[in-house]
Amino acid sequence: MLKKKKKENSETPDNTVEIANETNPADEQEQAQSAEPTEAVVSAEDKFKEELSQANDKYLRLYAEFDNFRRRTIKEREEARKTEGKELIVALLPVLDDFERALRATENATEVAPVREGVILIQNKLKNILAQKGLKEMQSIGAEFNADIHEAITSIPAPTDDLKGKVVDEMEKGYELNERVVRFAKVIVGA
């Protein structure tokens, strides 16, 4: 009998282990099912966080690239402003050399006529260079007074009736650069 009881007692623990094993898979499924939604939520959350960090990274890179572009264009503009008159200056250097030669020639000159002729040549050379760059003289004498291109210094009685309201004399020439007035002509108007 004793042996029988031992067998019955020994069977009981085995049965409990089996029962425990049988209940374990169900619990595991419940745990797995309950873990899946949290993993899905966590993974979606992680996905959105990753997308946000990528978007932030992209934004920062784009902002840095734009900032570099802005700095580069400012620097290029400054360099362009520093050298924008370079062409004109280089074109005027021969005229400056001619003036220096004319000054040296006046030291030994006994006659005025050849010196005057040389200065006229230099003046024509200067006018031609400036005309090539777009500078043009305004013809004012005898023209109708126009406040958009003329600056009236004074008015005098017109010598003839046809000069009333017209430019009688010019104190300073006016100039246009590429069809835009860069200096108004200072004129005397007939009244």
N, C-alpha and C. Protein backbone atom coordinates (compact mmCIF):
# COMPACT_ATOMS: atom_id res chain seq x y z
N MET A 1 0.76 -1.16 0.00
CA MET A 1 0.00 0.00 0.00
C MET A 1 0.81 1.25 0.00
N LEU A 2 1.77 1.09 0.69
CA LEU A 2 2.66 2.22 0.72
C LEU A 2 3.17 2.55 -0.67
N LYS A 3 3.43 1.59 -1.36
CA LYS A 3 3.94 1.81 -2.70
C LYS A 3 2.88 2.47 -3.56
N LYS A 4 1.65 2.10 -3.32
CA LYS A 4 0.60 2.69 -4.11
C LYS A 4 0.45 4.16 -3.80
N LYS A 5 0.52 4.48 -2.56
CA LYS A 5 0.40 5.87 -2.18
C LYS A 5 1.54 6.69 -2.77
N LYS A 6 2.68 6.11 -2.74
CA LYS A 6 3.83 6.82 -3.31
C LYS A 6 3.60 7.09 -4.79
N LYS A 7 3.03 6.08 -5.45
CA LYS A 7 2.77 6.26 -6.87
C LYS A 7 1.76 7.36 -7.08
N GLU A 8 0.71 7.35 -6.24
CA GLU A 8 -0.30 8.38 -6.40
C GLU A 8 0.29 9.75 -6.08
N ASN A 9 1.09 9.83 -5.06
CA ASN A 9 1.73 11.09 -4.71
C ASN A 9 2.73 11.53 -5.77
N SER A 10 3.39 10.58 -6.31
CA SER A 10 4.37 10.93 -7.35
C SER A 10 3.68 11.36 -8.63
N GLU A 11 2.45 10.82 -8.84
CA GLU A 11 1.74 11.22 -10.05
C GLU A 11 1.21 12.64 -9.92
N THR A 12 0.89 13.06 -8.81
CA THR A 12 0.32 14.38 -8.63
C THR A 12 1.27 15.49 -9.04
N PRO A 13 2.50 15.46 -8.63
CA PRO A 13 3.39 16.53 -9.08
C PRO A 13 3.57 16.53 -10.59
N ASP A 14 3.61 15.34 -11.17
CA ASP A 14 3.75 15.30 -12.63
C ASP A 14 2.54 15.93 -13.29
N ASN A 15 1.41 15.65 -12.75
CA ASN A 15 0.20 16.23 -13.31
C ASN A 15 0.18 17.75 -13.18
N THR A 16 0.64 18.25 -12.07
CA THR A 16 0.66 19.69 -11.88
C THR A 16 1.61 20.36 -12.85
N VAL A 17 2.70 19.69 -13.15
CA VAL A 17 3.65 20.24 -14.11
C VAL A 17 3.01 20.29 -15.49
N GLU A 18 2.30 19.17 -15.77
CA GLU A 18 1.62 19.13 -17.07
C GLU A 18 0.55 20.19 -17.15
N ILE A 19 -0.18 20.40 -16.11
CA ILE A 19 -1.22 21.42 -16.07
C ILE A 19 -0.59 22.79 -16.21
N ALA A 20 0.50 22.96 -15.53
CA ALA A 20 1.19 24.24 -15.64
C ALA A 20 1.67 24.46 -17.05
N ASN A 21 2.17 23.41 -17.68
CA ASN A 21 2.62 23.53 -19.07
C ASN A 21 1.45 23.81 -20.01
N GLU A 22 0.29 23.22 -19.70
CA GLU A 22 -0.87 23.43 -20.55
C GLU A 22 -1.38 24.86 -20.43
N THR A 23 -1.32 25.46 -19.29
CA THR A 23 -1.81 26.83 -19.12
C THR A 23 -0.79 27.84 -19.64
N ASN A 24 0.45 27.51 -19.66
CA ASN A 24 1.50 28.41 -20.14
C ASN A 24 1.30 28.86 -21.58
N PRO A 25 1.02 27.97 -22.53
CA PRO A 25 0.85 28.44 -23.91
C PRO A 25 -0.28 29.43 -24.06
N ALA A 26 -1.34 29.28 -23.34
CA ALA A 26 -2.45 30.23 -23.43
C ALA A 26 -2.03 31.59 -22.89
N ASP A 27 -1.32 31.57 -21.80
CA ASP A 27 -0.83 32.82 -21.22
C ASP A 27 0.15 33.50 -22.16
N GLU A 28 0.97 32.68 -22.78
CA GLU A 28 1.95 33.25 -23.72
C GLU A 28 1.25 33.92 -24.89
N GLN A 29 0.16 33.29 -25.37
CA GLN A 29 -0.58 33.88 -26.49
C GLN A 29 -1.19 35.20 -26.06
N GLU A 30 -1.76 35.24 -24.88
CA GLU A 30 -2.34 36.48 -24.38
C GLU A 30 -1.28 37.56 -24.24
N GLN A 31 -0.14 37.15 -23.70
CA GLN A 31 0.95 38.11 -23.54
C GLN A 31 1.45 38.59 -24.89
N ALA A 32 1.52 37.66 -25.85
CA ALA A 32 1.99 38.03 -27.18
C ALA A 32 0.99 38.96 -27.85
N GLN A 33 -0.33 38.68 -27.66
CA GLN A 33 -1.34 39.53 -28.24
C GLN A 33 -1.33 40.91 -27.60
N SER A 34 -1.16 40.95 -26.31
CA SER A 34 -1.12 42.24 -25.63
C SER A 34 0.17 42.98 -25.94
N ALA A 35 1.24 42.28 -26.24
CA ALA A 35 2.52 42.92 -26.56
C ALA A 35 2.52 43.44 -27.99
N GLU A 36 1.81 42.76 -28.89
CA GLU A 36 1.79 43.18 -30.29
C GLU A 36 1.26 44.60 -30.45
N PRO A 37 0.15 44.97 -29.85
CA PRO A 37 -0.33 46.34 -30.01
C PRO A 37 0.65 47.35 -29.44
N THR A 38 1.27 47.08 -28.34
CA THR A 38 2.25 48.02 -27.80
C THR A 38 3.46 48.11 -28.69
N GLU A 39 3.85 46.93 -29.25
CA GLU A 39 4.98 46.97 -30.19
C GLU A 39 4.59 47.74 -31.43
N ALA A 40 3.36 47.56 -31.91
CA ALA A 40 2.89 48.28 -33.09
C ALA A 40 2.82 49.77 -32.79
N VAL A 41 2.33 50.12 -31.62
CA VAL A 41 2.27 51.52 -31.22
C VAL A 41 3.67 52.08 -31.07
N VAL A 42 4.50 51.33 -30.40
CA VAL A 42 5.88 51.77 -30.21
C VAL A 42 6.59 51.88 -31.55
N SER A 43 6.38 50.89 -32.41
CA SER A 43 7.07 50.95 -33.70
C SER A 43 6.54 52.11 -34.54
N ALA A 44 5.25 52.40 -34.51
CA ALA A 44 4.70 53.56 -35.22
C ALA A 44 5.24 54.84 -34.61
N GLU A 45 5.30 54.86 -33.30
CA GLU A 45 5.84 56.03 -32.61
C GLU A 45 7.31 56.23 -32.99
N ASP A 46 8.06 55.13 -32.97
CA ASP A 46 9.47 55.21 -33.36
C ASP A 46 9.60 55.66 -34.82
N LYS A 47 8.70 55.16 -35.65
CA LYS A 47 8.73 55.52 -37.07
C LYS A 47 8.50 57.02 -37.23
N PHE A 48 7.51 57.56 -36.52
CA PHE A 48 7.24 58.99 -36.60
C PHE A 48 8.38 59.82 -36.03
N LYS A 49 8.98 59.34 -34.95
CA LYS A 49 10.12 60.04 -34.37
C LYS A 49 11.29 60.06 -35.35
N GLU A 50 11.49 58.92 -36.02
CA GLU A 50 12.57 58.84 -37.00
C GLU A 50 12.30 59.78 -38.19
N GLU A 51 11.03 59.79 -38.65
CA GLU A 51 10.67 60.70 -39.74
C GLU A 51 10.85 62.14 -39.32
N LEU A 52 10.49 62.47 -38.10
CA LEU A 52 10.66 63.82 -37.58
C LEU A 52 12.12 64.20 -37.51
N SER A 53 12.94 63.29 -37.03
CA SER A 53 14.38 63.60 -36.95
C SER A 53 14.98 63.76 -38.35
N GLN A 54 14.50 62.94 -39.31
CA GLN A 54 14.98 63.09 -40.69
C GLN A 54 14.53 64.42 -41.27
N ALA A 55 13.29 64.80 -41.00
CA ALA A 55 12.79 66.08 -41.50
C ALA A 55 13.56 67.24 -40.88
N ASN A 56 13.82 67.14 -39.57
CA ASN A 56 14.61 68.18 -38.90
C ASN A 56 16.02 68.25 -39.48
N ASP A 57 16.61 67.12 -39.72
CA ASP A 57 17.96 67.06 -40.31
C ASP A 57 17.95 67.70 -41.70
N LYS A 58 16.94 67.33 -42.48
CA LYS A 58 16.81 67.88 -43.83
C LYS A 58 16.63 69.40 -43.77
N TYR A 59 15.79 69.87 -42.84
CA TYR A 59 15.57 71.30 -42.66
C TYR A 59 16.85 72.02 -42.27
N LEU A 60 17.59 71.47 -41.33
CA LEU A 60 18.84 72.09 -40.89
C LEU A 60 19.85 72.15 -42.03
N ARG A 61 19.94 71.09 -42.80
CA ARG A 61 20.87 71.08 -43.95
C ARG A 61 20.44 72.11 -44.99
N LEU A 62 19.16 72.19 -45.27
CA LEU A 62 18.65 73.16 -46.24
C LEU A 62 18.88 74.58 -45.74
N TYR A 63 18.64 74.81 -44.46
CA TYR A 63 18.88 76.14 -43.88
C TYR A 63 20.36 76.50 -43.95
N ALA A 64 21.23 75.56 -43.65
CA ALA A 64 22.67 75.82 -43.72
C ALA A 64 23.09 76.09 -45.16
N GLU A 65 22.53 75.33 -46.10
CA GLU A 65 22.86 75.53 -47.51
C GLU A 65 22.40 76.92 -47.97
N PHE A 66 21.20 77.34 -47.56
CA PHE A 66 20.71 78.66 -47.92
C PHE A 66 21.56 79.75 -47.29
N ASP A 67 21.94 79.55 -46.04
CA ASP A 67 22.79 80.53 -45.36
C ASP A 67 24.13 80.66 -46.08
N ASN A 68 24.71 79.55 -46.49
CA ASN A 68 25.97 79.60 -47.26
C ASN A 68 25.76 80.31 -48.59
N PHE A 69 24.64 80.03 -49.26
CA PHE A 69 24.33 80.71 -50.52
C PHE A 69 24.22 82.21 -50.32
N ARG A 70 23.53 82.62 -49.26
CA ARG A 70 23.36 84.04 -48.96
C ARG A 70 24.71 84.71 -48.71
N ARG A 71 25.53 84.08 -47.91
CA ARG A 71 26.87 84.64 -47.63
C ARG A 71 27.70 84.74 -48.90
N ARG A 72 27.66 83.69 -49.73
CA ARG A 72 28.43 83.68 -50.96
C ARG A 72 27.97 84.79 -51.91
N THR A 73 26.65 84.99 -52.03
CA THR A 73 26.17 86.04 -52.93
C THR A 73 26.51 87.43 -52.41
N ILE A 74 26.47 87.61 -51.10
CA ILE A 74 26.87 88.91 -50.52
C ILE A 74 28.34 89.17 -50.83
N LYS A 75 29.15 88.17 -50.66
CA LYS A 75 30.58 88.31 -50.93
C LYS A 75 30.83 88.61 -52.41
N GLU A 76 30.10 87.90 -53.31
CA GLU A 76 30.26 88.14 -54.75
C GLU A 76 29.81 89.54 -55.12
N ARG A 77 28.74 90.03 -54.51
CA ARG A 77 28.28 91.40 -54.78
C ARG A 77 29.31 92.42 -54.35
N GLU A 78 29.88 92.21 -53.17
CA GLU A 78 30.91 93.14 -52.69
C GLU A 78 32.10 93.17 -53.64
N GLU A 79 32.52 92.00 -54.10
CA GLU A 79 33.63 91.94 -55.05
C GLU A 79 33.27 92.60 -56.36
N ALA A 80 32.04 92.43 -56.80
CA ALA A 80 31.59 93.05 -58.05
C ALA A 80 31.56 94.57 -57.91
N ARG A 81 31.11 95.06 -56.76
CA ARG A 81 31.09 96.51 -56.54
C ARG A 81 32.50 97.09 -56.52
N LYS A 82 33.42 96.35 -55.97
CA LYS A 82 34.80 96.85 -55.90
C LYS A 82 35.42 96.96 -57.29
N THR A 83 35.04 96.06 -58.19
CA THR A 83 35.68 96.04 -59.51
C THR A 83 34.73 96.44 -60.63
N GLU A 84 33.56 97.03 -60.31
CA GLU A 84 32.61 97.34 -61.37
C GLU A 84 33.10 98.43 -62.32
N GLY A 85 33.92 99.34 -61.88
CA GLY A 85 34.43 100.39 -62.75
C GLY A 85 35.77 100.06 -63.37
N LYS A 86 36.21 98.83 -63.21
CA LYS A 86 37.55 98.42 -63.66
C LYS A 86 37.71 98.62 -65.16
N GLU A 87 36.69 98.23 -65.95
CA GLU A 87 36.79 98.37 -67.41
C GLU A 87 37.01 99.82 -67.81
N LEU A 88 36.23 100.70 -67.21
CA LEU A 88 36.35 102.12 -67.54
C LEU A 88 37.71 102.67 -67.13
N ILE A 89 38.16 102.31 -65.96
CA ILE A 89 39.47 102.79 -65.47
C ILE A 89 40.59 102.31 -66.40
N VAL A 90 40.55 101.05 -66.78
CA VAL A 90 41.58 100.51 -67.68
C VAL A 90 41.53 101.22 -69.02
N ALA A 91 40.33 101.54 -69.50
CA ALA A 91 40.20 102.25 -70.78
C ALA A 91 40.70 103.68 -70.69
N LEU A 92 40.63 104.29 -69.50
CA LEU A 92 41.07 105.68 -69.33
C LEU A 92 42.56 105.83 -69.04
N LEU A 93 43.23 104.76 -68.72
CA LEU A 93 44.67 104.85 -68.41
C LEU A 93 45.49 105.43 -69.56
N PRO A 94 45.24 105.07 -70.83
CA PRO A 94 46.01 105.69 -71.92
C PRO A 94 45.81 107.21 -72.00
N VAL A 95 44.61 107.67 -71.66
CA VAL A 95 44.34 109.12 -71.66
C VAL A 95 45.17 109.78 -70.56
N LEU A 96 45.26 109.15 -69.42
CA LEU A 96 46.07 109.67 -68.33
C LEU A 96 47.54 109.74 -68.75
N ASP A 97 48.01 108.71 -69.45
CA ASP A 97 49.39 108.72 -69.97
C ASP A 97 49.59 109.87 -70.95
N ASP A 98 48.59 110.11 -71.81
CA ASP A 98 48.68 111.22 -72.77
C ASP A 98 48.76 112.57 -72.07
N PHE A 99 47.99 112.73 -71.00
CA PHE A 99 48.05 113.99 -70.24
C PHE A 99 49.43 114.18 -69.62
N GLU A 100 50.03 113.12 -69.11
CA GLU A 100 51.37 113.22 -68.53
C GLU A 100 52.39 113.62 -69.61
N ARG A 101 52.29 113.02 -70.81
CA ARG A 101 53.18 113.40 -71.90
C ARG A 101 52.96 114.85 -72.33
N ALA A 102 51.70 115.30 -72.31
CA ALA A 102 51.40 116.69 -72.68
C ALA A 102 52.00 117.66 -71.66
N LEU A 103 51.92 117.29 -70.39
CA LEU A 103 52.51 118.16 -69.36
C LEU A 103 54.03 118.26 -69.52
N ARG A 104 54.67 117.13 -69.84
CA ARG A 104 56.12 117.16 -70.09
C ARG A 104 56.45 118.00 -71.32
N ALA A 105 55.58 117.94 -72.31
CA ALA A 105 55.82 118.69 -73.55
C ALA A 105 55.65 120.20 -73.32
N THR A 106 54.79 120.59 -72.38
CA THR A 106 54.57 122.03 -72.12
C THR A 106 55.76 122.66 -71.42
N GLU A 107 56.61 121.87 -70.78
CA GLU A 107 57.77 122.43 -70.08
C GLU A 107 58.75 123.06 -71.07
N ASN A 108 58.92 122.46 -72.23
CA ASN A 108 59.88 122.95 -73.22
C ASN A 108 59.21 123.66 -74.39
N ALA A 109 57.90 123.76 -74.38
CA ALA A 109 57.18 124.33 -75.53
C ALA A 109 57.34 125.85 -75.56
N THR A 110 57.54 126.36 -76.75
CA THR A 110 57.64 127.81 -76.93
C THR A 110 56.39 128.33 -77.63
N GLU A 111 55.74 127.48 -78.39
CA GLU A 111 54.52 127.87 -79.08
C GLU A 111 53.31 127.20 -78.43
N VAL A 112 52.22 127.92 -78.40
CA VAL A 112 51.01 127.42 -77.76
C VAL A 112 50.19 126.55 -78.72
N ALA A 113 50.22 126.82 -79.99
CA ALA A 113 49.37 126.12 -80.97
C ALA A 113 49.59 124.60 -80.96
N PRO A 114 50.83 124.08 -80.99
CA PRO A 114 50.99 122.63 -80.96
C PRO A 114 50.52 121.99 -79.64
N VAL A 115 50.70 122.70 -78.54
CA VAL A 115 50.26 122.19 -77.24
C VAL A 115 48.73 122.13 -77.22
N ARG A 116 48.11 123.20 -77.73
CA ARG A 116 46.64 123.23 -77.80
C ARG A 116 46.13 122.07 -78.67
N GLU A 117 46.77 121.84 -79.78
CA GLU A 117 46.37 120.76 -80.69
C GLU A 117 46.51 119.40 -79.98
N GLY A 118 47.55 119.22 -79.21
CA GLY A 118 47.75 117.97 -78.46
C GLY A 118 46.67 117.77 -77.40
N VAL A 119 46.29 118.87 -76.71
CA VAL A 119 45.25 118.78 -75.68
C VAL A 119 43.91 118.46 -76.34
N ILE A 120 43.64 119.04 -77.51
CA ILE A 120 42.40 118.74 -78.23
C ILE A 120 42.36 117.26 -78.63
N LEU A 121 43.49 116.71 -79.05
CA LEU A 121 43.55 115.29 -79.40
C LEU A 121 43.27 114.40 -78.18
N ILE A 122 43.83 114.79 -77.05
CA ILE A 122 43.59 114.03 -75.81
C ILE A 122 42.12 114.11 -75.42
N GLN A 123 41.53 115.31 -75.55
CA GLN A 123 40.12 115.47 -75.22
C GLN A 123 39.25 114.60 -76.12
N ASN A 124 39.55 114.58 -77.41
CA ASN A 124 38.78 113.74 -78.34
C ASN A 124 38.93 112.26 -78.02
N LYS A 125 40.14 111.87 -77.64
CA LYS A 125 40.36 110.47 -77.26
C LYS A 125 39.53 110.11 -76.03
N LEU A 126 39.49 110.99 -75.05
CA LEU A 126 38.70 110.78 -73.84
C LEU A 126 37.21 110.70 -74.17
N LYS A 127 36.73 111.61 -75.00
CA LYS A 127 35.31 111.59 -75.39
C LYS A 127 34.95 110.31 -76.13
N ASN A 128 35.83 109.84 -76.99
CA ASN A 128 35.57 108.60 -77.73
C ASN A 128 35.49 107.39 -76.80
N ILE A 129 36.40 107.33 -75.84
CA ILE A 129 36.37 106.22 -74.88
C ILE A 129 35.08 106.24 -74.08
N LEU A 130 34.69 107.42 -73.60
CA LEU A 130 33.46 107.53 -72.81
C LEU A 130 32.23 107.23 -73.66
N ALA A 131 32.25 107.62 -74.94
CA ALA A 131 31.13 107.32 -75.83
C ALA A 131 31.02 105.81 -76.05
N GLN A 132 32.15 105.13 -76.14
CA GLN A 132 32.11 103.67 -76.28
C GLN A 132 31.49 103.00 -75.05
N LYS A 133 31.65 103.61 -73.90
CA LYS A 133 31.09 103.06 -72.66
C LYS A 133 29.64 103.49 -72.43
N GLY A 134 29.07 104.27 -73.37
CA GLY A 134 27.66 104.63 -73.29
C GLY A 134 27.37 106.05 -72.88
N LEU A 135 28.38 106.89 -72.69
CA LEU A 135 28.17 108.28 -72.29
C LEU A 135 27.90 109.13 -73.52
N LYS A 136 26.91 109.99 -73.41
CA LYS A 136 26.54 110.83 -74.55
C LYS A 136 26.27 112.24 -74.05
N GLU A 137 26.75 113.24 -74.79
CA GLU A 137 26.51 114.65 -74.44
C GLU A 137 25.10 115.04 -74.84
N MET A 138 24.48 115.86 -74.03
CA MET A 138 23.16 116.40 -74.39
C MET A 138 23.37 117.71 -75.12
N GLN A 139 22.67 117.92 -76.21
CA GLN A 139 22.70 119.18 -76.93
C GLN A 139 21.57 120.05 -76.39
N SER A 140 21.92 121.14 -75.74
CA SER A 140 20.90 121.94 -75.06
C SER A 140 20.66 123.30 -75.71
N ILE A 141 21.68 123.94 -76.23
CA ILE A 141 21.53 125.30 -76.75
C ILE A 141 20.55 125.30 -77.92
N GLY A 142 19.55 126.18 -77.80
CA GLY A 142 18.53 126.30 -78.84
C GLY A 142 17.38 125.33 -78.65
N ALA A 143 17.49 124.38 -77.74
CA ALA A 143 16.42 123.40 -77.50
C ALA A 143 15.40 123.98 -76.53
N GLU A 144 14.20 123.45 -76.59
CA GLU A 144 13.13 123.83 -75.68
C GLU A 144 13.54 123.44 -74.26
N PHE A 145 13.27 124.33 -73.27
CA PHE A 145 13.62 124.01 -71.89
C PHE A 145 12.79 122.82 -71.42
N ASN A 146 13.46 121.81 -70.86
CA ASN A 146 12.80 120.61 -70.34
C ASN A 146 13.35 120.36 -68.94
N ALA A 147 12.48 120.46 -67.94
CA ALA A 147 12.91 120.31 -66.54
C ALA A 147 13.41 118.90 -66.23
N ASP A 148 13.09 117.92 -67.10
CA ASP A 148 13.56 116.55 -66.87
C ASP A 148 15.03 116.37 -67.19
N ILE A 149 15.58 117.21 -68.06
CA ILE A 149 16.99 117.07 -68.44
C ILE A 149 17.80 118.34 -68.22
N HIS A 150 17.12 119.48 -67.97
CA HIS A 150 17.82 120.75 -67.78
C HIS A 150 17.62 121.26 -66.36
N GLU A 151 18.60 121.99 -65.88
CA GLU A 151 18.50 122.68 -64.60
C GLU A 151 18.71 124.16 -64.90
N ALA A 152 17.66 124.94 -64.73
CA ALA A 152 17.73 126.36 -65.06
C ALA A 152 18.44 127.10 -63.94
N ILE A 153 19.52 127.77 -64.28
CA ILE A 153 20.24 128.56 -63.30
C ILE A 153 19.58 129.93 -63.18
N THR A 154 19.29 130.51 -64.31
CA THR A 154 18.64 131.82 -64.35
C THR A 154 17.92 131.97 -65.68
N SER A 155 17.16 133.05 -65.78
CA SER A 155 16.53 133.37 -67.06
C SER A 155 16.90 134.81 -67.41
N ILE A 156 17.06 135.05 -68.69
CA ILE A 156 17.41 136.38 -69.19
C ILE A 156 16.40 136.75 -70.27
N PRO A 157 16.30 138.03 -70.56
CA PRO A 157 15.40 138.40 -71.67
C PRO A 157 15.91 137.76 -72.96
N ALA A 158 15.01 137.17 -73.70
CA ALA A 158 15.38 136.47 -74.92
C ALA A 158 15.85 137.48 -75.97
N PRO A 159 17.00 137.22 -76.63
CA PRO A 159 17.48 138.14 -77.66
C PRO A 159 16.50 138.24 -78.84
N THR A 160 15.83 137.17 -79.15
CA THR A 160 14.81 137.17 -80.21
C THR A 160 13.57 136.47 -79.69
N ASP A 161 12.47 136.69 -80.36
CA ASP A 161 11.20 136.10 -79.91
C ASP A 161 11.20 134.57 -80.05
N ASP A 162 11.93 134.03 -80.99
CA ASP A 162 11.92 132.56 -81.15
C ASP A 162 12.71 131.84 -80.07
N LEU A 163 13.51 132.56 -79.26
CA LEU A 163 14.28 131.93 -78.17
C LEU A 163 13.55 132.00 -76.82
N LYS A 164 12.32 132.51 -76.80
CA LYS A 164 11.55 132.55 -75.55
C LYS A 164 11.20 131.12 -75.14
N GLY A 165 11.52 130.76 -73.88
CA GLY A 165 11.24 129.42 -73.37
C GLY A 165 12.26 128.38 -73.84
N LYS A 166 13.29 128.86 -74.53
CA LYS A 166 14.33 127.94 -75.00
C LYS A 166 15.65 128.23 -74.28
N VAL A 167 16.58 127.29 -74.40
CA VAL A 167 17.88 127.42 -73.77
C VAL A 167 18.73 128.39 -74.59
N VAL A 168 19.20 129.47 -73.93
CA VAL A 168 20.02 130.49 -74.60
C VAL A 168 21.49 130.17 -74.47
N ASP A 169 21.90 129.73 -73.26
CA ASP A 169 23.31 129.43 -73.01
C ASP A 169 23.41 128.22 -72.08
N GLU A 170 24.56 127.59 -72.11
CA GLU A 170 24.80 126.39 -71.32
C GLU A 170 26.02 126.65 -70.43
N MET A 171 25.82 126.51 -69.11
CA MET A 171 26.92 126.72 -68.17
C MET A 171 27.70 125.41 -67.97
N GLU A 172 27.02 124.30 -67.87
CA GLU A 172 27.63 122.97 -67.77
C GLU A 172 26.87 122.02 -68.68
N LYS A 173 27.62 121.22 -69.40
CA LYS A 173 26.98 120.25 -70.29
C LYS A 173 26.30 119.16 -69.47
N GLY A 174 25.22 118.65 -70.03
CA GLY A 174 24.53 117.52 -69.42
C GLY A 174 24.96 116.24 -70.14
N TYR A 175 24.90 115.13 -69.41
CA TYR A 175 25.33 113.84 -69.98
C TYR A 175 24.30 112.77 -69.67
N GLU A 176 24.17 111.83 -70.63
CA GLU A 176 23.34 110.65 -70.46
C GLU A 176 24.23 109.42 -70.54
N LEU A 177 23.96 108.46 -69.69
CA LEU A 177 24.67 107.19 -69.72
C LEU A 177 23.65 106.11 -70.03
N ASN A 178 23.77 105.52 -71.22
CA ASN A 178 22.83 104.50 -71.67
C ASN A 178 21.38 104.97 -71.55
N GLU A 179 21.12 106.15 -72.12
CA GLU A 179 19.78 106.75 -72.19
C GLU A 179 19.22 107.19 -70.83
N ARG A 180 20.05 107.29 -69.82
CA ARG A 180 19.62 107.80 -68.51
C ARG A 180 20.47 109.00 -68.16
N VAL A 181 19.82 110.04 -67.68
CA VAL A 181 20.52 111.28 -67.33
C VAL A 181 21.41 111.03 -66.12
N VAL A 182 22.72 111.30 -66.29
CA VAL A 182 23.64 111.17 -65.16
C VAL A 182 24.04 112.55 -64.61
N ARG A 183 23.91 113.57 -65.49
CA ARG A 183 24.13 114.95 -65.01
C ARG A 183 23.23 115.87 -65.82
N PHE A 184 22.47 116.67 -65.09
CA PHE A 184 21.58 117.62 -65.74
C PHE A 184 22.40 118.77 -66.31
N ALA A 185 21.95 119.29 -67.44
CA ALA A 185 22.62 120.43 -68.05
C ALA A 185 22.21 121.69 -67.30
N LYS A 186 23.17 122.48 -66.89
CA LYS A 186 22.89 123.76 -66.22
C LYS A 186 22.82 124.82 -67.29
N VAL A 187 21.64 125.40 -67.44
CA VAL A 187 21.38 126.28 -68.58
C VAL A 187 20.79 127.61 -68.16
N ILE A 188 20.85 128.57 -69.10
CA ILE A 188 20.20 129.87 -68.96
C ILE A 188 19.06 129.89 -69.97
N VAL A 189 17.88 130.22 -69.48
CA VAL A 189 16.67 130.16 -70.29
C VAL A 189 16.27 131.57 -70.71
N GLY A 190 15.82 131.70 -71.97
CA GLY A 190 15.31 132.98 -72.47
C GLY A 190 13.89 133.18 -72.03
N ALA A 191 13.60 134.45 -71.53
CA ALA A 191 12.24 134.73 -71.03
C ALA A 191 11.51 135.67 -71.95
